[in-house]
């Protein structure tokens, strides 16, 4: 079972975390990108989104990130076939609105992902105090699984999910794992947040800070490509 103790993307402020491997051997796409880097904590801001290479797990291999924009980016990752999450490269949009003040919060995604390796493609949504973490897995491959125990299935935001509830010792984690894999679609996030708040009572009127979208990679031996063809996060 995958641990979610990791990358409140403030991890870019914690270079002391060791990764037992040299970062920088993977390759960016053949076509020139607006930005690329093979640094462990590489990050940049593009058209309202912040991109993170975010290699945070122990035993990681190499990984390079590239971006044409904040909504079109990818990585080439070569992480060994061992357990434990190695990285969560992602694009982040900051919302900073309470659940009750949100009129809408939704996202469109379109990705190209490998058929091998072990990973999930997921949203990682945080309140501003980083007390609660809401993960939305839209696809998964290989030996990966969410933290916590199953709470059953629910249909929300345009998808049917199996819901897991747990803690990593630092914060509460609510994981919504899509019951079938998807590489493109729209997620209406606000009904999910309201269901957690109003139907389950697992948290109150939290202020939603970061909405991240990326690839939580456990293994990608030999070098695999993960591409976000398009991503939009919108709120009102």
C-alpha atoms as a PDB file:
ATOM      1  CA  UNK A   1       0.000   0.000   0.000  1.00  0.00           C
ATOM      2  CA  UNK A   2       1.407   3.349  -0.989  1.00  0.00           C
ATOM      3  CA  UNK A   3       2.144   5.893   1.711  1.00  0.00           C
ATOM      4  CA  UNK A   4       0.914   9.433   1.243  1.00  0.00           C
ATOM      5  CA  UNK A   5       3.443  10.946   3.663  1.00  0.00           C
ATOM      6  CA  UNK A   6       5.348  13.131   1.283  1.00  0.00           C
ATOM      7  CA  UNK A   7       5.306  16.218  -0.726  1.00  0.00           C
ATOM      8  CA  UNK A   8       3.186  19.021   0.597  1.00  0.00           C
ATOM      9  CA  UNK A   9       4.853  20.750  -2.265  1.00  0.00           C
ATOM     10  CA  UNK A  10       6.572  22.856   0.322  1.00  0.00           C
ATOM     11  CA  UNK A  11       9.010  19.954  -0.052  1.00  0.00           C
ATOM     12  CA  UNK A  12      10.889  22.302  -2.353  1.00  0.00           C
ATOM     13  CA  UNK A  13      11.932  24.005   0.875  1.00  0.00           C
ATOM     14  CA  UNK A  14      13.431  20.820   2.278  1.00  0.00           C
ATOM     15  CA  UNK A  15      16.531  19.958   0.235  1.00  0.00           C
ATOM     16  CA  UNK A  16      17.873  17.994   3.186  1.00  0.00           C
ATOM     17  CA  UNK A  17      15.673  15.055   2.238  1.00  0.00           C
ATOM     18  CA  UNK A  18      17.958  12.392   0.815  1.00  0.00           C
ATOM     19  CA  UNK A  19      17.166  10.349  -2.268  1.00  0.00           C
ATOM     20  CA  UNK A  20      20.052   7.909  -2.535  1.00  0.00           C
ATOM     21  CA  UNK A  21      20.395   8.321  -6.312  1.00  0.00           C
ATOM     22  CA  UNK A  22      21.731  10.819  -8.761  1.00  0.00           C
ATOM     23  CA  UNK A  23      19.063  12.948 -10.363  1.00  0.00           C
ATOM     24  CA  UNK A  24      19.583  14.197 -13.865  1.00  0.00           C
ATOM     25  CA  UNK A  25      20.093  11.219 -16.148  1.00  0.00           C
ATOM     26  CA  UNK A  26      16.673  11.171 -17.777  1.00  0.00           C
ATOM     27  CA  UNK A  27      15.979  13.116 -20.921  1.00  0.00           C
ATOM     28  CA  UNK A  28      13.558  15.887 -21.805  1.00  0.00           C
ATOM     29  CA  UNK A  29      11.404  15.530 -24.953  1.00  0.00           C
ATOM     30  CA  UNK A  30      13.116  15.874 -28.309  1.00  0.00           C
ATOM     31  CA  UNK A  31      11.263  19.084 -29.138  1.00  0.00           C
ATOM     32  CA  UNK A  32      12.413  22.151 -27.261  1.00  0.00           C
ATOM     33  CA  UNK A  33      10.208  22.996 -24.301  1.00  0.00           C
ATOM     34  CA  UNK A  34       9.671  26.382 -22.690  1.00  0.00           C
ATOM     35  CA  UNK A  35      11.216  25.004 -19.492  1.00  0.00           C
ATOM     36  CA  UNK A  36      12.942  21.799 -18.464  1.00  0.00           C
ATOM     37  CA  UNK A  37      15.037  20.588 -15.562  1.00  0.00           C
ATOM     38  CA  UNK A  38      16.429  17.426 -14.031  1.00  0.00           C
ATOM     39  CA  UNK A  39      16.926  18.929 -10.563  1.00  0.00           C
ATOM     40  CA  UNK A  40      15.285  17.129  -7.660  1.00  0.00           C
ATOM     41  CA  UNK A  41      13.267  20.119  -6.444  1.00  0.00           C
ATOM     42  CA  UNK A  42      12.998  22.007  -9.764  1.00  0.00           C
ATOM     43  CA  UNK A  43      10.015  24.327  -9.958  1.00  0.00           C
ATOM     44  CA  UNK A  44       8.756  27.195 -12.078  1.00  0.00           C
ATOM     45  CA  UNK A  45       5.587  29.218 -12.609  1.00  0.00           C
ATOM     46  CA  UNK A  46       3.860  29.362 -15.996  1.00  0.00           C
ATOM     47  CA  UNK A  47       0.556  31.073 -16.821  1.00  0.00           C
ATOM     48  CA  UNK A  48      -0.900  30.793 -13.330  1.00  0.00           C
ATOM     49  CA  UNK A  49       0.327  27.285 -12.497  1.00  0.00           C
ATOM     50  CA  UNK A  50       3.423  26.185 -10.574  1.00  0.00           C
ATOM     51  CA  UNK A  51       5.292  23.104 -11.792  1.00  0.00           C
ATOM     52  CA  UNK A  52       7.346  20.841  -9.527  1.00  0.00           C
ATOM     53  CA  UNK A  53       9.680  17.972 -10.413  1.00  0.00           C
ATOM     54  CA  UNK A  54       9.369  16.877  -6.769  1.00  0.00           C
ATOM     55  CA  UNK A  55      11.527  13.759  -6.400  1.00  0.00           C
ATOM     56  CA  UNK A  56      10.973  13.165  -2.709  1.00  0.00           C
ATOM     57  CA  UNK A  57      11.037   9.419  -1.983  1.00  0.00           C
ATOM     58  CA  UNK A  58      13.987   7.295  -0.858  1.00  0.00           C
ATOM     59  CA  UNK A  59      15.676   5.075  -3.416  1.00  0.00           C
ATOM     60  CA  UNK A  60      14.631   7.286  -6.323  1.00  0.00           C
ATOM     61  CA  UNK A  61      16.321   7.190  -9.702  1.00  0.00           C
ATOM     62  CA  UNK A  62      16.457   9.952 -12.308  1.00  0.00           C
ATOM     63  CA  UNK A  63      13.642  12.173 -13.500  1.00  0.00           C
ATOM     64  CA  UNK A  64      13.469  15.203 -15.793  1.00  0.00           C
ATOM     65  CA  UNK A  65      10.520  17.542 -16.152  1.00  0.00           C
ATOM     66  CA  UNK A  66       9.621  19.677 -19.180  1.00  0.00           C
ATOM     67  CA  UNK A  67       6.816  22.112 -19.860  1.00  0.00           C
ATOM     68  CA  UNK A  68       5.363  24.022 -22.761  1.00  0.00           C
ATOM     69  CA  UNK A  69       2.987  25.720 -20.302  1.00  0.00           C
ATOM     70  CA  UNK A  70       1.549  25.155 -16.861  1.00  0.00           C
ATOM     71  CA  UNK A  71      -1.118  22.983 -18.477  1.00  0.00           C
ATOM     72  CA  UNK A  72       1.025  21.003 -20.976  1.00  0.00           C
ATOM     73  CA  UNK A  73       4.014  19.287 -19.412  1.00  0.00           C
ATOM     74  CA  UNK A  74       5.528  15.928 -18.607  1.00  0.00           C
ATOM     75  CA  UNK A  75       8.384  13.920 -17.188  1.00  0.00           C
ATOM     76  CA  UNK A  76      10.706  11.149 -18.231  1.00  0.00           C
ATOM     77  CA  UNK A  77      11.267   9.080 -15.087  1.00  0.00           C
ATOM     78  CA  UNK A  78      13.585   6.138 -14.493  1.00  0.00           C
ATOM     79  CA  UNK A  79      12.872   4.905 -10.976  1.00  0.00           C
ATOM     80  CA  UNK A  80      13.833   1.374  -9.887  1.00  0.00           C
ATOM     81  CA  UNK A  81      11.360  -1.456  -9.518  1.00  0.00           C
ATOM     82  CA  UNK A  82      11.176  -1.182  -5.731  1.00  0.00           C
ATOM     83  CA  UNK A  83       8.367  -0.306  -3.359  1.00  0.00           C
ATOM     84  CA  UNK A  84       7.617   3.142  -2.021  1.00  0.00           C
ATOM     85  CA  UNK A  85       6.670   6.340  -3.824  1.00  0.00           C
ATOM     86  CA  UNK A  86       9.640   8.021  -5.487  1.00  0.00           C
ATOM     87  CA  UNK A  87       8.151  11.246  -6.829  1.00  0.00           C
ATOM     88  CA  UNK A  88       5.063  13.309  -7.440  1.00  0.00           C
ATOM     89  CA  UNK A  89       5.759  15.663 -10.367  1.00  0.00           C
ATOM     90  CA  UNK A  90       2.817  18.003 -10.537  1.00  0.00           C
ATOM     91  CA  UNK A  91       1.248  21.256 -11.655  1.00  0.00           C
ATOM     92  CA  UNK A  92      -0.383  23.343  -8.922  1.00  0.00           C
ATOM     93  CA  UNK A  93      -3.135  25.953  -9.031  1.00  0.00           C
ATOM     94  CA  UNK A  94      -3.806  27.987  -5.887  1.00  0.00           C
ATOM     95  CA  UNK A  95      -7.484  28.521  -5.007  1.00  0.00           C
ATOM     96  CA  UNK A  96      -7.522  30.001  -1.463  1.00  0.00           C
ATOM     97  CA  UNK A  97     -11.288  29.956  -0.960  1.00  0.00           C
ATOM     98  CA  UNK A  98     -13.406  28.326   1.717  1.00  0.00           C
ATOM     99  CA  UNK A  99     -15.703  25.525   0.645  1.00  0.00           C
ATOM    100  CA  UNK A 100     -18.854  27.533   1.341  1.00  0.00           C
ATOM    101  CA  UNK A 101     -17.554  30.548  -0.596  1.00  0.00           C
ATOM    102  CA  UNK A 102     -16.811  28.488  -3.695  1.00  0.00           C
ATOM    103  CA  UNK A 103     -19.426  28.685  -6.402  1.00  0.00           C
ATOM    104  CA  UNK A 104     -17.565  26.128  -8.494  1.00  0.00           C
ATOM    105  CA  UNK A 105     -14.319  24.175  -8.564  1.00  0.00           C
ATOM    106  CA  UNK A 106     -13.654  21.886 -11.509  1.00  0.00           C
ATOM    107  CA  UNK A 107     -10.870  20.550 -13.675  1.00  0.00           C
ATOM    108  CA  UNK A 108     -10.316  19.021 -17.099  1.00  0.00           C
ATOM    109  CA  UNK A 109      -7.465  16.578 -17.650  1.00  0.00           C
ATOM    110  CA  UNK A 110      -5.929  14.722 -20.586  1.00  0.00           C
ATOM    111  CA  UNK A 111      -2.859  12.558 -20.062  1.00  0.00           C
ATOM    112  CA  UNK A 112      -0.695   9.985 -21.831  1.00  0.00           C
ATOM    113  CA  UNK A 113       0.689   7.381 -19.437  1.00  0.00           C
ATOM    114  CA  UNK A 114       2.722   4.171 -19.830  1.00  0.00           C
ATOM    115  CA  UNK A 115       1.228   0.689 -19.696  1.00  0.00           C
ATOM    116  CA  UNK A 116       4.020  -0.557 -17.407  1.00  0.00           C
ATOM    117  CA  UNK A 117       5.548   0.616 -14.169  1.00  0.00           C
ATOM    118  CA  UNK A 118       3.746   1.392 -10.925  1.00  0.00           C
ATOM    119  CA  UNK A 119       2.073   4.763 -10.499  1.00  0.00           C
ATOM    120  CA  UNK A 120      -1.164   6.683 -10.207  1.00  0.00           C
ATOM    121  CA  UNK A 121      -2.381   9.822 -11.941  1.00  0.00           C
ATOM    122  CA  UNK A 122      -3.995  11.958  -9.302  1.00  0.00           C
ATOM    123  CA  UNK A 123      -5.217  15.267  -8.005  1.00  0.00           C
ATOM    124  CA  UNK A 124      -3.830  16.206  -4.603  1.00  0.00           C
ATOM    125  CA  UNK A 125      -5.951  18.850  -2.904  1.00  0.00           C
ATOM    126  CA  UNK A 126      -4.935  20.565   0.350  1.00  0.00           C
ATOM    127  CA  UNK A 127      -6.478  22.960   2.796  1.00  0.00           C
ATOM    128  CA  UNK A 128      -4.372  26.033   3.576  1.00  0.00           C
ATOM    129  CA  UNK A 129      -3.216  24.570   6.919  1.00  0.00           C
ATOM    130  CA  UNK A 130      -2.166  21.278   5.304  1.00  0.00           C
ATOM    131  CA  UNK A 131      -4.295  19.417   7.834  1.00  0.00           C
ATOM    132  CA  UNK A 132      -6.385  17.559   5.268  1.00  0.00           C
ATOM    133  CA  UNK A 133      -5.387  15.919   2.000  1.00  0.00           C
ATOM    134  CA  UNK A 134      -7.915  14.886  -0.639  1.00  0.00           C
ATOM    135  CA  UNK A 135      -6.564  12.653  -3.399  1.00  0.00           C
ATOM    136  CA  UNK A 136      -8.519  11.880  -6.573  1.00  0.00           C
ATOM    137  CA  UNK A 137      -6.975   8.986  -8.506  1.00  0.00           C
ATOM    138  CA  UNK A 138      -8.150   8.994 -12.119  1.00  0.00           C
ATOM    139  CA  UNK A 139      -5.968   6.047 -13.140  1.00  0.00           C
ATOM    140  CA  UNK A 140      -3.470   3.621 -11.652  1.00  0.00           C
ATOM    141  CA  UNK A 141      -1.129   0.907 -12.888  1.00  0.00           C
ATOM    142  CA  UNK A 142       0.947  -1.678 -11.047  1.00  0.00           C
ATOM    143  CA  UNK A 143       1.336  -2.378  -7.336  1.00  0.00           C
ATOM    144  CA  UNK A 144      -0.007   0.851  -5.874  1.00  0.00           C
ATOM    145  CA  UNK A 145      -2.817   1.523  -3.444  1.00  0.00           C
ATOM    146  CA  UNK A 146      -4.220   4.322  -1.301  1.00  0.00           C
ATOM    147  CA  UNK A 147      -3.704   4.910   2.394  1.00  0.00           C
ATOM    148  CA  UNK A 148      -6.434   3.959   4.858  1.00  0.00           C
ATOM    149  CA  UNK A 149      -9.476   1.716   4.810  1.00  0.00           C
ATOM    150  CA  UNK A 150     -12.261   1.487   2.264  1.00  0.00           C
ATOM    151  CA  UNK A 151     -15.439   3.437   2.980  1.00  0.00           C
ATOM    152  CA  UNK A 152     -17.321   2.004  -0.003  1.00  0.00           C
ATOM    153  CA  UNK A 153     -18.202   3.489  -3.378  1.00  0.00           C
ATOM    154  CA  UNK A 154     -19.746   6.839  -4.201  1.00  0.00           C
ATOM    155  CA  UNK A 155     -20.627   8.624  -7.443  1.00  0.00           C
ATOM    156  CA  UNK A 156     -19.634  12.282  -7.291  1.00  0.00           C
ATOM    157  CA  UNK A 157     -18.279  14.944  -9.601  1.00  0.00           C
ATOM    158  CA  UNK A 158     -18.978  12.937 -12.739  1.00  0.00           C
ATOM    159  CA  UNK A 159     -17.152   9.751 -11.668  1.00  0.00           C
ATOM    160  CA  UNK A 160     -17.622   6.688  -9.478  1.00  0.00           C
ATOM    161  CA  UNK A 161     -14.936   6.267  -6.815  1.00  0.00           C
ATOM    162  CA  UNK A 162     -13.928   3.867  -4.073  1.00  0.00           C
ATOM    163  CA  UNK A 163     -13.283   6.056  -1.035  1.00  0.00           C
ATOM    164  CA  UNK A 164     -10.491   5.443   1.475  1.00  0.00           C
ATOM    165  CA  UNK A 165     -10.005   7.232   4.802  1.00  0.00           C
ATOM    166  CA  UNK A 166      -6.776   7.230   6.773  1.00  0.00           C
ATOM    167  CA  UNK A 167      -3.928   9.214   8.274  1.00  0.00           C
ATOM    168  CA  UNK A 168      -0.216   9.391   7.595  1.00  0.00           C
ATOM    169  CA  UNK A 169       0.579  10.683  11.079  1.00  0.00           C
ATOM    170  CA  UNK A 170       0.709  14.312   9.973  1.00  0.00           C
ATOM    171  CA  UNK A 171      -2.687  14.844   8.365  1.00  0.00           C
ATOM    172  CA  UNK A 172      -5.955  13.154   7.487  1.00  0.00           C
ATOM    173  CA  UNK A 173      -6.023  11.615   4.007  1.00  0.00           C
ATOM    174  CA  UNK A 174      -9.181  11.002   1.973  1.00  0.00           C
ATOM    175  CA  UNK A 175      -8.509   9.105  -1.257  1.00  0.00           C
ATOM    176  CA  UNK A 176     -11.046   8.720  -4.050  1.00  0.00           C
ATOM    177  CA  UNK A 177      -9.932   5.995  -6.471  1.00  0.00           C
ATOM    178  CA  UNK A 178     -11.804   5.897  -9.763  1.00  0.00           C
ATOM    179  CA  UNK A 179     -13.377   2.463 -10.253  1.00  0.00           C
ATOM    180  CA  UNK A 180     -12.061   2.323 -13.830  1.00  0.00           C
ATOM    181  CA  UNK A 181      -9.021   3.973 -15.369  1.00  0.00           C
ATOM    182  CA  UNK A 182      -9.420   7.193 -17.338  1.00  0.00           C
ATOM    183  CA  UNK A 183      -6.885   9.256 -19.290  1.00  0.00           C
ATOM    184  CA  UNK A 184      -9.169  12.220 -19.978  1.00  0.00           C
ATOM    185  CA  UNK A 185     -12.239  13.801 -18.503  1.00  0.00           C
ATOM    186  CA  UNK A 186     -13.728  16.461 -16.281  1.00  0.00           C
ATOM    187  CA  UNK A 187     -13.885  16.333 -12.492  1.00  0.00           C
ATOM    188  CA  UNK A 188     -16.356  18.520 -10.648  1.00  0.00           C
ATOM    189  CA  UNK A 189     -14.374  18.851  -7.429  1.00  0.00           C
ATOM    190  CA  UNK A 190     -16.740  20.969  -5.341  1.00  0.00           C
ATOM    191  CA  UNK A 191     -19.414  18.258  -4.799  1.00  0.00           C
ATOM    192  CA  UNK A 192     -16.650  15.965  -3.513  1.00  0.00           C
ATOM    193  CA  UNK A 193     -15.526  18.550  -0.968  1.00  0.00           C
ATOM    194  CA  UNK A 194     -19.132  19.201   0.091  1.00  0.00           C
ATOM    195  CA  UNK A 195     -19.757  15.454   0.473  1.00  0.00           C
ATOM    196  CA  UNK A 196     -16.756  15.150   2.803  1.00  0.00           C
ATOM    197  CA  UNK A 197     -17.871  18.237   4.761  1.00  0.00           C
ATOM    198  CA  UNK A 198     -21.644  17.926   4.841  1.00  0.00           C
ATOM    199  CA  UNK A 199     -22.504  14.261   4.304  1.00  0.00           C
ATOM    200  CA  UNK A 200     -19.605  12.629   6.169  1.00  0.00           C
ATOM    201  CA  UNK A 201     -18.571  15.429   8.537  1.00  0.00           C
ATOM    202  CA  UNK A 202     -14.904  14.557   8.191  1.00  0.00           C
ATOM    203  CA  UNK A 203     -13.917  18.217   8.167  1.00  0.00           C
ATOM    204  CA  UNK A 204     -15.549  21.633   8.470  1.00  0.00           C
ATOM    205  CA  UNK A 205     -15.585  24.683   6.242  1.00  0.00           C
ATOM    206  CA  UNK A 206     -11.922  24.419   5.274  1.00  0.00           C
ATOM    207  CA  UNK A 207     -10.166  26.924   3.041  1.00  0.00           C
ATOM    208  CA  UNK A 208      -8.923  25.075  -0.016  1.00  0.00           C
ATOM    209  CA  UNK A 209      -5.399  26.131  -0.895  1.00  0.00           C
ATOM    210  CA  UNK A 210      -3.551  23.985  -3.443  1.00  0.00           C
ATOM    211  CA  UNK A 211      -5.092  21.937  -6.219  1.00  0.00           C
ATOM    212  CA  UNK A 212      -2.271  19.815  -7.608  1.00  0.00           C
ATOM    213  CA  UNK A 213      -2.395  17.374 -10.515  1.00  0.00           C
ATOM    214  CA  UNK A 214       0.360  14.951 -11.419  1.00  0.00           C
ATOM    215  CA  UNK A 215       1.838  11.487 -11.383  1.00  0.00           C
ATOM    216  CA  UNK A 216       2.671   9.671  -8.152  1.00  0.00           C
ATOM    217  CA  UNK A 217       5.403   7.336  -9.361  1.00  0.00           C
ATOM    218  CA  UNK A 218       6.576   4.239  -7.486  1.00  0.00           C
ATOM    219  CA  UNK A 219       8.569   2.589 -10.279  1.00  0.00           C
ATOM    220  CA  UNK A 220       9.359   3.326 -13.926  1.00  0.00           C
ATOM    221  CA  UNK A 221      12.377   1.164 -14.622  1.00  0.00           C
ATOM    222  CA  UNK A 222      14.118   1.787 -17.932  1.00  0.00           C
ATOM    223  CA  UNK A 223      12.700   5.287 -18.290  1.00  0.00           C
ATOM    224  CA  UNK A 224       9.010   5.957 -18.912  1.00  0.00           C
ATOM    225  CA  UNK A 225       7.207   9.052 -20.195  1.00  0.00           C
ATOM    226  CA  UNK A 226       4.285  10.664 -18.387  1.00  0.00           C
ATOM    227  CA  UNK A 227       2.595  13.530 -20.228  1.00  0.00           C
ATOM    228  CA  UNK A 228      -0.108  15.982 -19.262  1.00  0.00           C
ATOM    229  CA  UNK A 229      -1.467  16.919 -22.676  1.00  0.00           C
ATOM    230  CA  UNK A 230      -3.882  19.410 -21.165  1.00  0.00           C
ATOM    231  CA  UNK A 231      -5.003  20.468 -17.712  1.00  0.00           C
ATOM    232  CA  UNK A 232      -7.273  23.236 -16.540  1.00  0.00           C
ATOM    233  CA  UNK A 233      -8.321  24.055 -12.976  1.00  0.00           C
ATOM    234  CA  UNK A 234     -11.037  26.687 -12.639  1.00  0.00           C
ATOM    235  CA  UNK A 235     -12.923  28.089  -9.660  1.00  0.00           C
ATOM    236  CA  UNK A 236     -15.380  30.823  -8.840  1.00  0.00           C
END
